[in-house]
Amino acid sequence: GRYAPSAENSQPWKFIVITSRDEIASLSGEVKRQIREVLRHKRKWKKKYPELAQQETALFLNAISSSEKDNIFFNAPVVVFVVTEDKAFYDESCACAAQNMMLAAWSLGIGSCWIGFAKFLELNPALMEKIGVPEGHHISACIILGHAAHVPKPQIRKPMADIIRWIE
């Protein structure tokens, strides 16, 4: 990830790599706890999470947070957090770094998945400090790495005509 392009070559990322199964399980539980907390106090969080107003979103989050399975990090052996400061174009740069790691992993036969739910960890400042997120930084990306139980079939992509506007 560190060779990814970045705005003005800022290289604004820091990487936190967790391989402890116990720590990963603990983080998964904390994500679920934070989701339940947000669901309990929807009004408080509706500005940050406007999709909570949609019933299907709330039902989905409730199902995720009440499951006994690790449906956050999927029992992956490696979790990588890409953290950065809240500055212009830093999140975009970190997304490039995360994508580069995902592509490199795939080239080595290692599966990866972007874990958006990890952002809920930001609601617990003590936990952010515990895992080493520097003050003034946030989780820009979280990916898991591991050998996939099966390789999923490629998804159908939208037709090029629907996604590209060419101006000559």
C-alpha atoms as a PDB file:
ATOM      1  CA  GLY A   1       0.000   0.000   0.000  1.00  0.00           C
ATOM      2  CA  ARG A   2       2.799   2.445   0.636  1.00  0.00           C
ATOM      3  CA  TYR A   3       3.623   2.769  -3.080  1.00  0.00           C
ATOM      4  CA  ALA A   4       0.093   3.896  -3.911  1.00  0.00           C
ATOM      5  CA  PRO A   5      -0.415   7.285  -5.507  1.00  0.00           C
ATOM      6  CA  SER A   6      -1.373  10.033  -3.093  1.00  0.00           C
ATOM      7  CA  ALA A   7      -2.447  13.652  -3.346  1.00  0.00           C
ATOM      8  CA  GLU A   8       0.683  15.797  -3.631  1.00  0.00           C
ATOM      9  CA  ASN A   9       2.717  12.695  -2.699  1.00  0.00           C
ATOM     10  CA  SER A  10       1.496  13.233   0.866  1.00  0.00           C
ATOM     11  CA  GLN A  11       1.558   9.498   1.690  1.00  0.00           C
ATOM     12  CA  PRO A  12      -0.887  10.252   4.514  1.00  0.00           C
ATOM     13  CA  TRP A  13      -1.495   6.670   5.610  1.00  0.00           C
ATOM     14  CA  LYS A  14      -0.516   4.681   8.631  1.00  0.00           C
ATOM     15  CA  PHE A  15      -1.174   0.943   8.725  1.00  0.00           C
ATOM     16  CA  ILE A  16      -2.248  -1.056  11.763  1.00  0.00           C
ATOM     17  CA  VAL A  17      -1.989  -4.809  11.165  1.00  0.00           C
ATOM     18  CA  ILE A  18      -3.691  -7.176  13.590  1.00  0.00           C
ATOM     19  CA  THR A  19      -3.061 -10.921  13.484  1.00  0.00           C
ATOM     20  CA  SER A  20      -4.099 -11.888  17.017  1.00  0.00           C
ATOM     21  CA  ARG A  21      -7.242 -14.033  16.698  1.00  0.00           C
ATOM     22  CA  ASP A  22      -8.347 -12.943  20.175  1.00  0.00           C
ATOM     23  CA  GLU A  23      -7.912  -9.257  19.339  1.00  0.00           C
ATOM     24  CA  ILE A  24      -9.773  -9.646  16.030  1.00  0.00           C
ATOM     25  CA  ALA A  25     -12.649 -11.429  17.813  1.00  0.00           C
ATOM     26  CA  SER A  26     -12.721  -8.681  20.438  1.00  0.00           C
ATOM     27  CA  LEU A  27     -12.836  -5.978  17.749  1.00  0.00           C
ATOM     28  CA  SER A  28     -15.664  -7.808  15.982  1.00  0.00           C
ATOM     29  CA  GLY A  29     -17.631  -7.851  19.222  1.00  0.00           C
ATOM     30  CA  GLU A  30     -16.952  -4.156  19.753  1.00  0.00           C
ATOM     31  CA  VAL A  31     -18.199  -3.284  16.255  1.00  0.00           C
ATOM     32  CA  LYS A  32     -21.434  -5.144  17.028  1.00  0.00           C
ATOM     33  CA  ARG A  33     -21.741  -3.385  20.386  1.00  0.00           C
ATOM     34  CA  GLN A  34     -21.337   0.011  18.722  1.00  0.00           C
ATOM     35  CA  ILE A  35     -23.924  -0.881  16.062  1.00  0.00           C
ATOM     36  CA  ARG A  36     -26.400  -1.844  18.798  1.00  0.00           C
ATOM     37  CA  GLU A  37     -25.674   1.439  20.591  1.00  0.00           C
ATOM     38  CA  VAL A  38     -26.326   3.435  17.423  1.00  0.00           C
ATOM     39  CA  LEU A  39     -29.574   1.536  16.822  1.00  0.00           C
ATOM     40  CA  ARG A  40     -30.699   2.235  20.402  1.00  0.00           C
ATOM     41  CA  HIS A  41     -30.138   5.968  19.946  1.00  0.00           C
ATOM     42  CA  LYS A  42     -31.061   6.470  16.278  1.00  0.00           C
ATOM     43  CA  ARG A  43     -32.099  10.083  16.734  1.00  0.00           C
ATOM     44  CA  LYS A  44     -28.684  10.991  18.102  1.00  0.00           C
ATOM     45  CA  TRP A  45     -26.942   9.366  15.140  1.00  0.00           C
ATOM     46  CA  LYS A  46     -29.280  10.207  12.266  1.00  0.00           C
ATOM     47  CA  LYS A  47     -27.111  13.096  11.052  1.00  0.00           C
ATOM     48  CA  LYS A  48     -23.961  10.956  10.905  1.00  0.00           C
ATOM     49  CA  TYR A  49     -25.842   7.898   9.601  1.00  0.00           C
ATOM     50  CA  PRO A  50     -28.883   9.166   7.617  1.00  0.00           C
ATOM     51  CA  GLU A  51     -29.515   5.677   6.220  1.00  0.00           C
ATOM     52  CA  LEU A  52     -30.764   4.669   9.689  1.00  0.00           C
ATOM     53  CA  ALA A  53     -34.079   6.246   8.680  1.00  0.00           C
ATOM     54  CA  GLN A  54     -34.567   3.377   6.217  1.00  0.00           C
ATOM     55  CA  GLN A  55     -36.227   0.435   7.916  1.00  0.00           C
ATOM     56  CA  GLU A  56     -34.357  -2.156   5.859  1.00  0.00           C
ATOM     57  CA  THR A  57     -31.019  -0.634   6.959  1.00  0.00           C
ATOM     58  CA  ALA A  58     -31.989  -0.807  10.621  1.00  0.00           C
ATOM     59  CA  LEU A  59     -33.177  -4.415  10.202  1.00  0.00           C
ATOM     60  CA  PHE A  60     -29.947  -5.370   8.461  1.00  0.00           C
ATOM     61  CA  LEU A  61     -27.811  -3.734  11.158  1.00  0.00           C
ATOM     62  CA  ASN A  62     -29.846  -5.428  13.861  1.00  0.00           C
ATOM     63  CA  ALA A  63     -29.305  -8.827  12.222  1.00  0.00           C
ATOM     64  CA  ILE A  64     -25.563  -8.198  11.858  1.00  0.00           C
ATOM     65  CA  SER A  65     -25.114  -7.007  15.437  1.00  0.00           C
ATOM     66  CA  SER A  66     -27.113  -9.828  17.025  1.00  0.00           C
ATOM     67  CA  SER A  67     -25.455 -12.705  15.156  1.00  0.00           C
ATOM     68  CA  GLU A  68     -23.199 -15.121  17.043  1.00  0.00           C
ATOM     69  CA  LYS A  69     -21.007 -15.488  13.942  1.00  0.00           C
ATOM     70  CA  ASP A  70     -18.062 -13.257  13.162  1.00  0.00           C
ATOM     71  CA  ASN A  71     -19.884 -11.483  10.354  1.00  0.00           C
ATOM     72  CA  ILE A  72     -17.656  -8.431  10.742  1.00  0.00           C
ATOM     73  CA  PHE A  73     -14.148  -9.794  10.069  1.00  0.00           C
ATOM     74  CA  PHE A  74     -15.294 -13.276   8.948  1.00  0.00           C
ATOM     75  CA  ASN A  75     -12.652 -15.101  11.023  1.00  0.00           C
ATOM     76  CA  ALA A  76      -9.934 -13.660   8.805  1.00  0.00           C
ATOM     77  CA  PRO A  77      -6.390 -14.173  10.083  1.00  0.00           C
ATOM     78  CA  VAL A  78      -5.338 -10.607   9.238  1.00  0.00           C
ATOM     79  CA  VAL A  79      -7.076  -7.255   9.673  1.00  0.00           C
ATOM     80  CA  VAL A  80      -5.431  -4.118   8.285  1.00  0.00           C
ATOM     81  CA  PHE A  81      -6.602  -0.657   9.275  1.00  0.00           C
ATOM     82  CA  VAL A  82      -5.511   2.255   7.103  1.00  0.00           C
ATOM     83  CA  VAL A  83      -5.705   5.374   9.233  1.00  0.00           C
ATOM     84  CA  THR A  84      -5.141   9.015   8.404  1.00  0.00           C
ATOM     85  CA  GLU A  85      -5.804  12.575   9.449  1.00  0.00           C
ATOM     86  CA  ASP A  86      -8.938  14.434   8.397  1.00  0.00           C
ATOM     87  CA  LYS A  87      -7.412  16.505   5.593  1.00  0.00           C
ATOM     88  CA  ALA A  88      -8.393  17.125   1.993  1.00  0.00           C
ATOM     89  CA  PHE A  89      -7.843  14.111  -0.286  1.00  0.00           C
ATOM     90  CA  TYR A  90      -6.305  11.949   2.462  1.00  0.00           C
ATOM     91  CA  ASP A  91      -9.167   9.434   2.418  1.00  0.00           C
ATOM     92  CA  GLU A  92      -8.910   9.124  -1.357  1.00  0.00           C
ATOM     93  CA  SER A  93      -5.169   8.510  -1.063  1.00  0.00           C
ATOM     94  CA  CYS A  94      -5.756   5.860   1.621  1.00  0.00           C
ATOM     95  CA  ALA A  95      -8.349   4.178  -0.603  1.00  0.00           C
ATOM     96  CA  CYS A  96      -5.660   3.885  -3.289  1.00  0.00           C
ATOM     97  CA  ALA A  97      -3.294   2.302  -0.750  1.00  0.00           C
ATOM     98  CA  ALA A  98      -5.939  -0.186   0.403  1.00  0.00           C
ATOM     99  CA  GLN A  99      -6.829  -1.118  -3.181  1.00  0.00           C
ATOM    100  CA  ASN A 100      -3.166  -1.662  -4.020  1.00  0.00           C
ATOM    101  CA  MET A 101      -2.871  -4.035  -1.045  1.00  0.00           C
ATOM    102  CA  MET A 102      -5.970  -5.908  -2.187  1.00  0.00           C
ATOM    103  CA  LEU A 103      -4.623  -6.288  -5.728  1.00  0.00           C
ATOM    104  CA  ALA A 104      -1.193  -7.374  -4.464  1.00  0.00           C
ATOM    105  CA  ALA A 105      -2.821  -9.922  -2.149  1.00  0.00           C
ATOM    106  CA  TRP A 106      -4.898 -11.359  -4.995  1.00  0.00           C
ATOM    107  CA  SER A 107      -1.772 -11.709  -7.152  1.00  0.00           C
ATOM    108  CA  LEU A 108      -0.336 -13.878  -4.344  1.00  0.00           C
ATOM    109  CA  GLY A 109      -3.467 -16.031  -4.091  1.00  0.00           C
ATOM    110  CA  ILE A 110      -4.710 -14.275  -0.962  1.00  0.00           C
ATOM    111  CA  GLY A 111      -8.297 -13.079  -0.722  1.00  0.00           C
ATOM    112  CA  SER A 112      -9.317  -9.722   0.687  1.00  0.00           C
ATOM    113  CA  CYS A 113     -12.447  -7.829   1.568  1.00  0.00           C
ATOM    114  CA  TRP A 114     -13.105  -4.177   2.400  1.00  0.00           C
ATOM    115  CA  ILE A 115     -14.821  -3.963   5.806  1.00  0.00           C
ATOM    116  CA  GLY A 116     -16.935  -0.823   6.027  1.00  0.00           C
ATOM    117  CA  PHE A 117     -18.426  -1.772   9.403  1.00  0.00           C
ATOM    118  CA  ALA A 118     -14.998  -1.194  10.997  1.00  0.00           C
ATOM    119  CA  LYS A 119     -15.799   2.540  10.968  1.00  0.00           C
ATOM    120  CA  PHE A 120     -18.054   1.890  13.978  1.00  0.00           C
ATOM    121  CA  LEU A 121     -14.876   1.411  16.053  1.00  0.00           C
ATOM    122  CA  GLU A 122     -14.342   5.169  15.814  1.00  0.00           C
ATOM    123  CA  LEU A 123     -17.210   5.600  18.264  1.00  0.00           C
ATOM    124  CA  ASN A 124     -14.972   4.177  21.014  1.00  0.00           C
ATOM    125  CA  PRO A 125     -11.975   6.529  21.510  1.00  0.00           C
ATOM    126  CA  ALA A 126     -10.384   4.285  24.161  1.00  0.00           C
ATOM    127  CA  LEU A 127     -10.399   1.341  21.758  1.00  0.00           C
ATOM    128  CA  MET A 128      -8.972   3.483  18.949  1.00  0.00           C
ATOM    129  CA  GLU A 129      -6.111   4.425  21.258  1.00  0.00           C
ATOM    130  CA  LYS A 130      -5.641   0.786  22.336  1.00  0.00           C
ATOM    131  CA  ILE A 131      -5.139  -0.434  18.759  1.00  0.00           C
ATOM    132  CA  GLY A 132      -2.721   2.411  18.055  1.00  0.00           C
ATOM    133  CA  VAL A 133      -4.715   4.934  16.047  1.00  0.00           C
ATOM    134  CA  PRO A 134      -2.829   8.216  16.565  1.00  0.00           C
ATOM    135  CA  GLU A 135      -4.701  11.171  18.012  1.00  0.00           C
ATOM    136  CA  GLY A 136      -6.416  13.194  15.285  1.00  0.00           C
ATOM    137  CA  HIS A 137      -6.592  10.188  12.942  1.00  0.00           C
ATOM    138  CA  HIS A 138      -9.561   8.122  11.803  1.00  0.00           C
ATOM    139  CA  ILE A 139     -10.106   4.799  10.067  1.00  0.00           C
ATOM    140  CA  SER A 140     -10.032   5.507   6.369  1.00  0.00           C
ATOM    141  CA  ALA A 141     -10.134   1.879   5.251  1.00  0.00           C
ATOM    142  CA  CYS A 142     -10.165  -1.581   6.755  1.00  0.00           C
ATOM    143  CA  ILE A 143      -9.413  -4.739   4.826  1.00  0.00           C
ATOM    144  CA  ILE A 144      -9.196  -8.362   5.833  1.00  0.00           C
ATOM    145  CA  LEU A 145      -6.776 -10.820   4.273  1.00  0.00           C
ATOM    146  CA  GLY A 146      -6.796 -14.599   4.147  1.00  0.00           C
ATOM    147  CA  HIS A 147      -7.166 -17.635   1.977  1.00  0.00           C
ATOM    148  CA  ALA A 148     -10.731 -17.781   0.684  1.00  0.00           C
ATOM    149  CA  ALA A 149     -12.745 -20.929   1.320  1.00  0.00           C
ATOM    150  CA  HIS A 150     -13.951 -20.597  -2.269  1.00  0.00           C
ATOM    151  CA  VAL A 151     -13.340 -18.150  -5.083  1.00  0.00           C
ATOM    152  CA  PRO A 152     -16.536 -16.281  -5.859  1.00  0.00           C
ATOM    153  CA  LYS A 153     -17.741 -16.034  -9.421  1.00  0.00           C
ATOM    154  CA  PRO A 154     -17.085 -12.660 -11.048  1.00  0.00           C
ATOM    155  CA  GLN A 155     -20.037 -10.326 -10.650  1.00  0.00           C
ATOM    156  CA  ILE A 156     -21.926  -9.029 -13.652  1.00  0.00           C
ATOM    157  CA  ARG A 157     -20.711  -5.541 -14.457  1.00  0.00           C
ATOM    158  CA  LYS A 158     -22.831  -2.677 -15.707  1.00  0.00           C
ATOM    159  CA  PRO A 159     -22.633  -2.125 -19.459  1.00  0.00           C
ATOM    160  CA  MET A 160     -19.934   0.338 -20.497  1.00  0.00           C
ATOM    161  CA  ALA A 161     -22.544   2.512 -22.191  1.00  0.00           C
ATOM    162  CA  ASP A 162     -24.267   2.983 -18.815  1.00  0.00           C
ATOM    163  CA  ILE A 163     -21.178   4.144 -16.947  1.00  0.00           C
ATOM    164  CA  ILE A 164     -19.000   6.020 -19.441  1.00  0.00           C
ATOM    165  CA  ARG A 165     -19.611   9.360 -21.069  1.00  0.00           C
ATOM    166  CA  TRP A 166     -17.002  10.040 -23.689  1.00  0.00           C
ATOM    167  CA  ILE A 167     -16.425  13.640 -24.795  1.00  0.00           C
ATOM    168  CA  GLU A 168     -14.211  14.253 -27.819  1.00  0.00           C
END
